[in-house]
Amino acid sequence: MSVYRKQLRLRNRDVNLHRTLRTSTMFEWMQEASIRHTEELGMGREMTLDRGLLWVVTLQRAEIARMPEYDECVTLESWPGETMHLLFPRYYRLLDAEGGTLVAASALWALVDSESRRMVFPDRYGVRVDGVVTGHEIALPSPPRRAEGGVSMSFTVPFSYVDLNGHMNNTRYFDLAEDFLPAAAEGRALKELSVEYANEARLGDTLTLTREQTEDAVFLSGETDRKIFRMRLKYE
């Protein structure tokens, strides 16, 4: 069974002022695990990037029992699900030192052409990732609804947020969200989240952000002249 595993110790750069793992850092770890495992499975850059194909994540979700804390040792696991036409499911677990599940997550990835920015059929390029079943899979993500009304502000994508794909990296949306949500600064524990990356945000793009608080969750949307992202977060 092909499951990627990596042991990690939380350093000062990995945590926020409450000494718990930054949400963006957690998803950076998951993103890196996805890439490294795909390379180990024979689908590295010579099959994708060097042929003008980019891996992009389209949807993510997570269920959080507890965020690990500064200096804690954890194990990250990641494994692929069965390919769904154009989409590559992937699953994740973050485990504590005793093997207990701290975080369970899932994502849907796709390949896009670097020029047209359109999704491609992986079979046409010989890109194949065989899925496995571990019994620890959570439901795959679905798009959150749009935030309505509430508080709005504008945000312009800076140089430091843009990755090698030429757009705002998916992990930076969590930094953006937590800068805009009082719950994060207050130290309230994040318990669930789901996010959809609908379109790219490129360097210099200005997004209109809208935040809506409901009885059980916070919704955050970002738009230009089109939908860029939508996010749902549930705090303790």
C-alpha atoms as a PDB file:
ATOM      1  CA  MET A   1       0.000   0.000   0.000  1.00  0.00           C
ATOM      2  CA  SER A   2       1.490   3.327  -1.088  1.00  0.00           C
ATOM      3  CA  VAL A   3       1.151   5.866   1.722  1.00  0.00           C
ATOM      4  CA  TYR A   4       3.543   8.803   2.033  1.00  0.00           C
ATOM      5  CA  ARG A   5       4.749   9.518   5.574  1.00  0.00           C
ATOM      6  CA  LYS A   6       6.895  12.284   6.993  1.00  0.00           C
ATOM      7  CA  GLN A   7       7.754  13.139  10.586  1.00  0.00           C
ATOM      8  CA  LEU A   8       7.771  16.815  11.498  1.00  0.00           C
ATOM      9  CA  ARG A   9       8.560  18.909  14.556  1.00  0.00           C
ATOM     10  CA  LEU A  10       6.823  22.265  14.874  1.00  0.00           C
ATOM     11  CA  ARG A  11       9.328  25.123  14.819  1.00  0.00           C
ATOM     12  CA  ASN A  12       8.706  28.787  15.587  1.00  0.00           C
ATOM     13  CA  ARG A  13       8.020  29.581  11.923  1.00  0.00           C
ATOM     14  CA  ASP A  14       5.265  26.943  11.866  1.00  0.00           C
ATOM     15  CA  VAL A  15       3.095  28.381  14.628  1.00  0.00           C
ATOM     16  CA  ASN A  16       1.064  31.509  15.285  1.00  0.00           C
ATOM     17  CA  LEU A  17       1.056  33.773  18.338  1.00  0.00           C
ATOM     18  CA  HIS A  18      -1.076  31.193  20.174  1.00  0.00           C
ATOM     19  CA  ARG A  19       1.703  28.621  19.589  1.00  0.00           C
ATOM     20  CA  THR A  20      -0.493  26.373  17.484  1.00  0.00           C
ATOM     21  CA  LEU A  21       0.156  25.256  13.916  1.00  0.00           C
ATOM     22  CA  ARG A  22      -0.622  27.886  11.305  1.00  0.00           C
ATOM     23  CA  THR A  23      -3.424  26.767   9.008  1.00  0.00           C
ATOM     24  CA  SER A  24      -1.405  27.861   5.986  1.00  0.00           C
ATOM     25  CA  THR A  25       1.614  25.859   7.156  1.00  0.00           C
ATOM     26  CA  MET A  26      -0.504  22.735   7.573  1.00  0.00           C
ATOM     27  CA  PHE A  27      -1.679  23.031   3.985  1.00  0.00           C
ATOM     28  CA  GLU A  28       1.862  23.771   2.811  1.00  0.00           C
ATOM     29  CA  TRP A  29       2.877  20.446   4.372  1.00  0.00           C
ATOM     30  CA  MET A  30      -0.003  18.697   2.623  1.00  0.00           C
ATOM     31  CA  GLN A  31       0.829  20.342  -0.689  1.00  0.00           C
ATOM     32  CA  GLU A  32       4.469  19.291  -0.412  1.00  0.00           C
ATOM     33  CA  ALA A  33       3.474  15.745   0.552  1.00  0.00           C
ATOM     34  CA  SER A  34       1.220  15.544  -2.513  1.00  0.00           C
ATOM     35  CA  ILE A  35       4.043  16.630  -4.808  1.00  0.00           C
ATOM     36  CA  ARG A  36       6.713  14.406  -3.255  1.00  0.00           C
ATOM     37  CA  HIS A  37       4.486  11.342  -3.235  1.00  0.00           C
ATOM     38  CA  THR A  38       3.430  11.890  -6.840  1.00  0.00           C
ATOM     39  CA  GLU A  39       7.137  12.067  -7.764  1.00  0.00           C
ATOM     40  CA  GLU A  40       7.779   8.817  -5.887  1.00  0.00           C
ATOM     41  CA  LEU A  41       4.966   7.221  -7.878  1.00  0.00           C
ATOM     42  CA  GLY A  42       6.734   8.091 -11.145  1.00  0.00           C
ATOM     43  CA  MET A  43       4.739  11.198 -12.066  1.00  0.00           C
ATOM     44  CA  GLY A  44       7.346  13.872 -11.371  1.00  0.00           C
ATOM     45  CA  ARG A  45       8.164  17.069 -13.242  1.00  0.00           C
ATOM     46  CA  GLU A  46       9.401  15.251 -16.363  1.00  0.00           C
ATOM     47  CA  MET A  47       5.826  13.994 -16.830  1.00  0.00           C
ATOM     48  CA  THR A  48       4.129  17.263 -15.934  1.00  0.00           C
ATOM     49  CA  LEU A  49       5.965  20.580 -15.458  1.00  0.00           C
ATOM     50  CA  ASP A  50       8.574  19.897 -18.144  1.00  0.00           C
ATOM     51  CA  ARG A  51       5.719  19.191 -20.588  1.00  0.00           C
ATOM     52  CA  GLY A  52       3.811  22.368 -19.799  1.00  0.00           C
ATOM     53  CA  LEU A  53       1.408  20.828 -17.281  1.00  0.00           C
ATOM     54  CA  LEU A  54       0.708  22.258 -13.837  1.00  0.00           C
ATOM     55  CA  TRP A  55      -0.729  20.510 -10.802  1.00  0.00           C
ATOM     56  CA  VAL A  56      -3.433  22.647  -9.189  1.00  0.00           C
ATOM     57  CA  VAL A  57      -5.690  21.987  -6.225  1.00  0.00           C
ATOM     58  CA  THR A  58      -9.350  22.797  -6.834  1.00  0.00           C
ATOM     59  CA  LEU A  59     -11.092  21.854  -3.578  1.00  0.00           C
ATOM     60  CA  GLN A  60      -9.970  21.059  -0.027  1.00  0.00           C
ATOM     61  CA  ARG A  61     -11.589  20.170   3.261  1.00  0.00           C
ATOM     62  CA  ALA A  62     -10.347  19.317   6.749  1.00  0.00           C
ATOM     63  CA  GLU A  63     -11.720  18.050  10.035  1.00  0.00           C
ATOM     64  CA  ILE A  64      -9.612  19.118  12.998  1.00  0.00           C
ATOM     65  CA  ALA A  65      -9.638  17.428  16.379  1.00  0.00           C
ATOM     66  CA  ARG A  66      -6.733  19.554  17.628  1.00  0.00           C
ATOM     67  CA  MET A  67      -4.032  21.662  16.051  1.00  0.00           C
ATOM     68  CA  PRO A  68      -0.565  20.563  17.198  1.00  0.00           C
ATOM     69  CA  GLU A  69       1.524  22.975  19.245  1.00  0.00           C
ATOM     70  CA  TYR A  70       5.011  24.442  19.215  1.00  0.00           C
ATOM     71  CA  ASP A  71       7.806  21.827  19.542  1.00  0.00           C
ATOM     72  CA  GLU A  72       5.354  18.937  19.153  1.00  0.00           C
ATOM     73  CA  CYS A  73       6.350  15.990  16.927  1.00  0.00           C
ATOM     74  CA  VAL A  74       3.739  14.869  14.412  1.00  0.00           C
ATOM     75  CA  THR A  75       3.493  12.497  11.455  1.00  0.00           C
ATOM     76  CA  LEU A  76       1.917  13.523   8.170  1.00  0.00           C
ATOM     77  CA  GLU A  77       0.381  10.820   5.993  1.00  0.00           C
ATOM     78  CA  SER A  78      -0.916  11.233   2.437  1.00  0.00           C
ATOM     79  CA  TRP A  79      -2.262   8.849  -0.188  1.00  0.00           C
ATOM     80  CA  PRO A  80      -4.138   9.050  -3.515  1.00  0.00           C
ATOM     81  CA  GLY A  81      -7.682   7.971  -4.238  1.00  0.00           C
ATOM     82  CA  GLU A  82      -8.891   6.592  -7.556  1.00  0.00           C
ATOM     83  CA  THR A  83      -8.737   9.156 -10.366  1.00  0.00           C
ATOM     84  CA  MET A  84     -12.120  10.673 -11.234  1.00  0.00           C
ATOM     85  CA  HIS A  85     -11.985  11.513 -14.960  1.00  0.00           C
ATOM     86  CA  LEU A  86     -10.134  14.874 -14.744  1.00  0.00           C
ATOM     87  CA  LEU A  87      -9.682  14.974 -10.968  1.00  0.00           C
ATOM     88  CA  PHE A  88      -7.169  13.322  -8.649  1.00  0.00           C
ATOM     89  CA  PRO A  89      -8.482  12.775  -5.110  1.00  0.00           C
ATOM     90  CA  ARG A  90      -5.930  12.829  -2.310  1.00  0.00           C
ATOM     91  CA  TYR A  91      -6.262  12.204   1.408  1.00  0.00           C
ATOM     92  CA  TYR A  92      -4.235  13.278   4.438  1.00  0.00           C
ATOM     93  CA  ARG A  93      -3.863  12.624   8.156  1.00  0.00           C
ATOM     94  CA  LEU A  94      -1.819  14.474  10.762  1.00  0.00           C
ATOM     95  CA  LEU A  95      -1.011  12.182  13.698  1.00  0.00           C
ATOM     96  CA  ASP A  96       0.278  12.892  17.193  1.00  0.00           C
ATOM     97  CA  ALA A  97       3.170  11.026  18.817  1.00  0.00           C
ATOM     98  CA  GLU A  98       0.817   8.241  19.983  1.00  0.00           C
ATOM     99  CA  GLY A  99      -0.714   7.775  16.538  1.00  0.00           C
ATOM    100  CA  GLY A 100      -3.950   9.616  17.288  1.00  0.00           C
ATOM    101  CA  THR A 101      -5.548  11.591  14.478  1.00  0.00           C
ATOM    102  CA  LEU A 102      -5.202  15.344  14.932  1.00  0.00           C
ATOM    103  CA  VAL A 103      -6.388  16.331  11.453  1.00  0.00           C
ATOM    104  CA  ALA A 104      -8.060  14.429   8.614  1.00  0.00           C
ATOM    105  CA  ALA A 105      -8.279  16.100   5.211  1.00  0.00           C
ATOM    106  CA  SER A 106      -9.102  15.520   1.570  1.00  0.00           C
ATOM    107  CA  ALA A 107      -8.501  17.394  -1.675  1.00  0.00           C
ATOM    108  CA  LEU A 108      -9.196  17.273  -5.386  1.00  0.00           C
ATOM    109  CA  TRP A 109      -6.284  18.025  -7.706  1.00  0.00           C
ATOM    110  CA  ALA A 110      -6.200  18.543 -11.476  1.00  0.00           C
ATOM    111  CA  LEU A 111      -3.712  19.084 -14.285  1.00  0.00           C
ATOM    112  CA  VAL A 112      -3.929  22.275 -16.344  1.00  0.00           C
ATOM    113  CA  ASP A 113      -2.117  23.415 -19.448  1.00  0.00           C
ATOM    114  CA  SER A 114       0.328  26.174 -18.485  1.00  0.00           C
ATOM    115  CA  GLU A 115      -0.540  28.209 -21.594  1.00  0.00           C
ATOM    116  CA  SER A 116      -4.309  27.858 -21.914  1.00  0.00           C
ATOM    117  CA  ARG A 117      -4.854  27.403 -18.128  1.00  0.00           C
ATOM    118  CA  ARG A 118      -7.472  24.767 -18.986  1.00  0.00           C
ATOM    119  CA  MET A 119      -7.787  21.343 -17.427  1.00  0.00           C
ATOM    120  CA  VAL A 120      -6.338  18.509 -19.497  1.00  0.00           C
ATOM    121  CA  PHE A 121      -7.200  14.830 -19.783  1.00  0.00           C
ATOM    122  CA  PRO A 122      -4.392  13.030 -17.911  1.00  0.00           C
ATOM    123  CA  ASP A 123      -4.683   9.897 -20.052  1.00  0.00           C
ATOM    124  CA  ARG A 124      -3.594  11.867 -23.110  1.00  0.00           C
ATOM    125  CA  TYR A 125      -0.261  12.543 -21.412  1.00  0.00           C
ATOM    126  CA  GLY A 126       0.179   9.169 -19.763  1.00  0.00           C
ATOM    127  CA  VAL A 127      -0.261  10.643 -16.293  1.00  0.00           C
ATOM    128  CA  ARG A 128      -1.644   7.963 -14.003  1.00  0.00           C
ATOM    129  CA  VAL A 129      -1.803   7.773 -10.207  1.00  0.00           C
ATOM    130  CA  ASP A 130      -3.256   4.559  -8.810  1.00  0.00           C
ATOM    131  CA  GLY A 131      -5.473   5.025  -5.785  1.00  0.00           C
ATOM    132  CA  VAL A 132      -5.427   3.095  -2.528  1.00  0.00           C
ATOM    133  CA  VAL A 133      -7.938   2.639   0.284  1.00  0.00           C
ATOM    134  CA  THR A 134      -6.707   2.840   3.883  1.00  0.00           C
ATOM    135  CA  GLY A 135     -10.008   3.100   5.728  1.00  0.00           C
ATOM    136  CA  HIS A 136      -9.068   6.568   7.019  1.00  0.00           C
ATOM    137  CA  GLU A 137     -10.565   8.540   4.141  1.00  0.00           C
ATOM    138  CA  ILE A 138     -12.982  11.378   4.907  1.00  0.00           C
ATOM    139  CA  ALA A 139     -15.566  12.655   2.432  1.00  0.00           C
ATOM    140  CA  LEU A 140     -14.206  14.538  -0.552  1.00  0.00           C
ATOM    141  CA  PRO A 141     -14.721  18.319  -0.550  1.00  0.00           C
ATOM    142  CA  SER A 142     -17.611  20.135  -2.172  1.00  0.00           C
ATOM    143  CA  PRO A 143     -17.854  23.853  -2.973  1.00  0.00           C
ATOM    144  CA  PRO A 144     -18.946  26.114  -0.084  1.00  0.00           C
ATOM    145  CA  ARG A 145     -21.669  28.628  -0.771  1.00  0.00           C
ATOM    146  CA  ARG A 146     -20.932  32.283  -1.455  1.00  0.00           C
ATOM    147  CA  ALA A 147     -20.742  34.732   1.441  1.00  0.00           C
ATOM    148  CA  GLU A 148     -23.649  37.178   1.337  1.00  0.00           C
ATOM    149  CA  GLY A 149     -23.677  40.647   2.869  1.00  0.00           C
ATOM    150  CA  GLY A 150     -21.555  41.000   5.956  1.00  0.00           C
ATOM    151  CA  VAL A 151     -18.203  42.803   6.001  1.00  0.00           C
ATOM    152  CA  SER A 152     -16.242  43.581   2.831  1.00  0.00           C
ATOM    153  CA  MET A 153     -12.739  44.802   2.021  1.00  0.00           C
ATOM    154  CA  SER A 154     -10.365  44.770  -0.940  1.00  0.00           C
ATOM    155  CA  PHE A 155      -7.106  42.837  -1.242  1.00  0.00           C
ATOM    156  CA  THR A 156      -4.411  43.118  -3.915  1.00  0.00           C
ATOM    157  CA  VAL A 157      -2.239  40.046  -4.562  1.00  0.00           C
ATOM    158  CA  PRO A 158       1.403  40.847  -3.637  1.00  0.00           C
ATOM    159  CA  PHE A 159       4.539  39.366  -5.177  1.00  0.00           C
ATOM    160  CA  SER A 160       5.253  37.197  -2.114  1.00  0.00           C
ATOM    161  CA  TYR A 161       1.922  35.341  -2.462  1.00  0.00           C
ATOM    162  CA  VAL A 162       2.587  34.167  -6.049  1.00  0.00           C
ATOM    163  CA  ASP A 163       4.101  30.723  -6.694  1.00  0.00           C
ATOM    164  CA  LEU A 164       5.847  29.042  -9.651  1.00  0.00           C
ATOM    165  CA  ASN A 165       2.478  28.425 -11.306  1.00  0.00           C
ATOM    166  CA  GLY A 166       2.148  32.198 -11.688  1.00  0.00           C
ATOM    167  CA  HIS A 167      -0.803  32.654  -9.346  1.00  0.00           C
ATOM    168  CA  MET A 168      -1.564  33.151  -5.671  1.00  0.00           C
ATOM    169  CA  ASN A 169      -0.622  29.906  -3.950  1.00  0.00           C
ATOM    170  CA  ASN A 170      -3.549  28.040  -2.422  1.00  0.00           C
ATOM    171  CA  THR A 171      -1.958  28.013   1.033  1.00  0.00           C
ATOM    172  CA  ARG A 172      -1.857  31.818   1.175  1.00  0.00           C
ATOM    173  CA  TYR A 173      -5.651  32.002   1.090  1.00  0.00           C
ATOM    174  CA  PHE A 174      -5.595  30.733   4.666  1.00  0.00           C
ATOM    175  CA  ASP A 175      -3.261  33.551   5.763  1.00  0.00           C
ATOM    176  CA  LEU A 176      -5.577  35.975   3.998  1.00  0.00           C
ATOM    177  CA  ALA A 177      -8.631  34.474   5.706  1.00  0.00           C
ATOM    178  CA  GLU A 178      -7.122  34.515   9.186  1.00  0.00           C
ATOM    179  CA  ASP A 179      -6.022  38.139   8.765  1.00  0.00           C
ATOM    180  CA  PHE A 180      -9.654  38.973   8.008  1.00  0.00           C
ATOM    181  CA  LEU A 181     -11.379  36.790  10.641  1.00  0.00           C
ATOM    182  CA  PRO A 182     -11.474  37.892  14.308  1.00  0.00           C
ATOM    183  CA  ALA A 183     -11.836  34.289  15.497  1.00  0.00           C
ATOM    184  CA  ALA A 184      -8.287  33.419  14.441  1.00  0.00           C
ATOM    185  CA  ALA A 185      -6.669  36.334  16.284  1.00  0.00           C
ATOM    186  CA  GLU A 186      -8.783  35.550  19.341  1.00  0.00           C
ATOM    187  CA  GLY A 187      -7.270  32.070  19.464  1.00  0.00           C
ATOM    188  CA  ARG A 188     -10.508  30.188  18.870  1.00  0.00           C
ATOM    189  CA  ALA A 189      -9.850  26.623  17.697  1.00  0.00           C
ATOM    190  CA  LEU A 190     -10.590  25.880  14.050  1.00  0.00           C
ATOM    191  CA  LYS A 191     -12.596  22.644  13.799  1.00  0.00           C
ATOM    192  CA  GLU A 192     -13.673  22.325  10.163  1.00  0.00           C
ATOM    193  CA  LEU A 193     -12.991  24.025   6.867  1.00  0.00           C
ATOM    194  CA  SER A 194     -13.737  23.676   3.187  1.00  0.00           C
ATOM    195  CA  VAL A 195     -12.483  25.794   0.313  1.00  0.00           C
ATOM    196  CA  GLU A 196     -12.976  26.039  -3.440  1.00  0.00           C
ATOM    197  CA  TYR A 197     -10.389  27.635  -5.740  1.00  0.00           C
ATOM    198  CA  ALA A 198     -12.567  28.567  -8.709  1.00  0.00           C
ATOM    199  CA  ASN A 199     -10.202  30.805 -10.714  1.00  0.00           C
ATOM    200  CA  GLU A 200      -6.671  32.113 -10.469  1.00  0.00           C
ATOM    201  CA  ALA A 201      -5.653  35.275  -8.681  1.00  0.00           C
ATOM    202  CA  ARG A 202      -2.498  36.670 -10.271  1.00  0.00           C
ATOM    203  CA  LEU A 203       0.044  39.247  -9.217  1.00  0.00           C
ATOM    204  CA  GLY A 204      -1.614  42.660  -8.875  1.00  0.00           C
ATOM    205  CA  ASP A 205      -5.196  41.374  -9.074  1.00  0.00           C
ATOM    206  CA  THR A 206      -7.524  43.149  -6.646  1.00  0.00           C
ATOM    207  CA  LEU A 207     -10.129  40.965  -4.961  1.00  0.00           C
ATOM    208  CA  THR A 208     -13.266  42.047  -3.170  1.00  0.00           C
ATOM    209  CA  LEU A 209     -13.499  39.967   0.003  1.00  0.00           C
ATOM    210  CA  THR A 210     -16.820  39.368   1.715  1.00  0.00           C
ATOM    211  CA  ARG A 211     -17.220  37.820   5.178  1.00  0.00           C
ATOM    212  CA  GLU A 212     -20.481  36.437   6.529  1.00  0.00           C
ATOM    213  CA  GLN A 213     -21.005  35.050  10.035  1.00  0.00           C
ATOM    214  CA  THR A 214     -23.813  32.524  10.500  1.00  0.00           C
ATOM    215  CA  GLU A 215     -24.851  30.670  13.610  1.00  0.00           C
ATOM    216  CA  ASP A 216     -22.431  27.789  13.057  1.00  0.00           C
ATOM    217  CA  ALA A 217     -19.766  28.964  10.564  1.00  0.00           C
ATOM    218  CA  VAL A 218     -17.948  31.806   8.858  1.00  0.00           C
ATOM    219  CA  PHE A 219     -18.137  32.151   5.077  1.00  0.00           C
ATOM    220  CA  LEU A 220     -15.521  34.055   3.087  1.00  0.00           C
ATOM    221  CA  SER A 221     -15.647  34.829  -0.630  1.00  0.00           C
ATOM    222  CA  GLY A 222     -13.143  36.511  -2.923  1.00  0.00           C
ATOM    223  CA  GLU A 223     -14.079  37.882  -6.342  1.00  0.00           C
ATOM    224  CA  THR A 224     -12.774  40.091  -9.130  1.00  0.00           C
ATOM    225  CA  ASP A 225     -15.041  40.175 -12.179  1.00  0.00           C
ATOM    226  CA  ARG A 226     -15.402  36.456 -11.547  1.00  0.00           C
ATOM    227  CA  LYS A 227     -15.422  34.059  -8.630  1.00  0.00           C
ATOM    228  CA  ILE A 228     -11.907  33.416  -7.279  1.00  0.00           C
ATOM    229  CA  PHE A 229     -12.439  31.448  -4.072  1.00  0.00           C
ATOM    230  CA  ARG A 230     -15.036  30.513  -1.488  1.00  0.00           C
ATOM    231  CA  MET A 231     -14.324  29.259   1.993  1.00  0.00           C
ATOM    232  CA  ARG A 232     -16.293  27.952   4.965  1.00  0.00           C
ATOM    233  CA  LEU A 233     -14.680  27.778   8.412  1.00  0.00           C
ATOM    234  CA  LYS A 234     -16.147  26.494  11.659  1.00  0.00           C
ATOM    235  CA  TYR A 235     -14.559  27.518  14.953  1.00  0.00           C
ATOM    236  CA  GLU A 236     -14.989  26.070  18.411  1.00  0.00           C
END
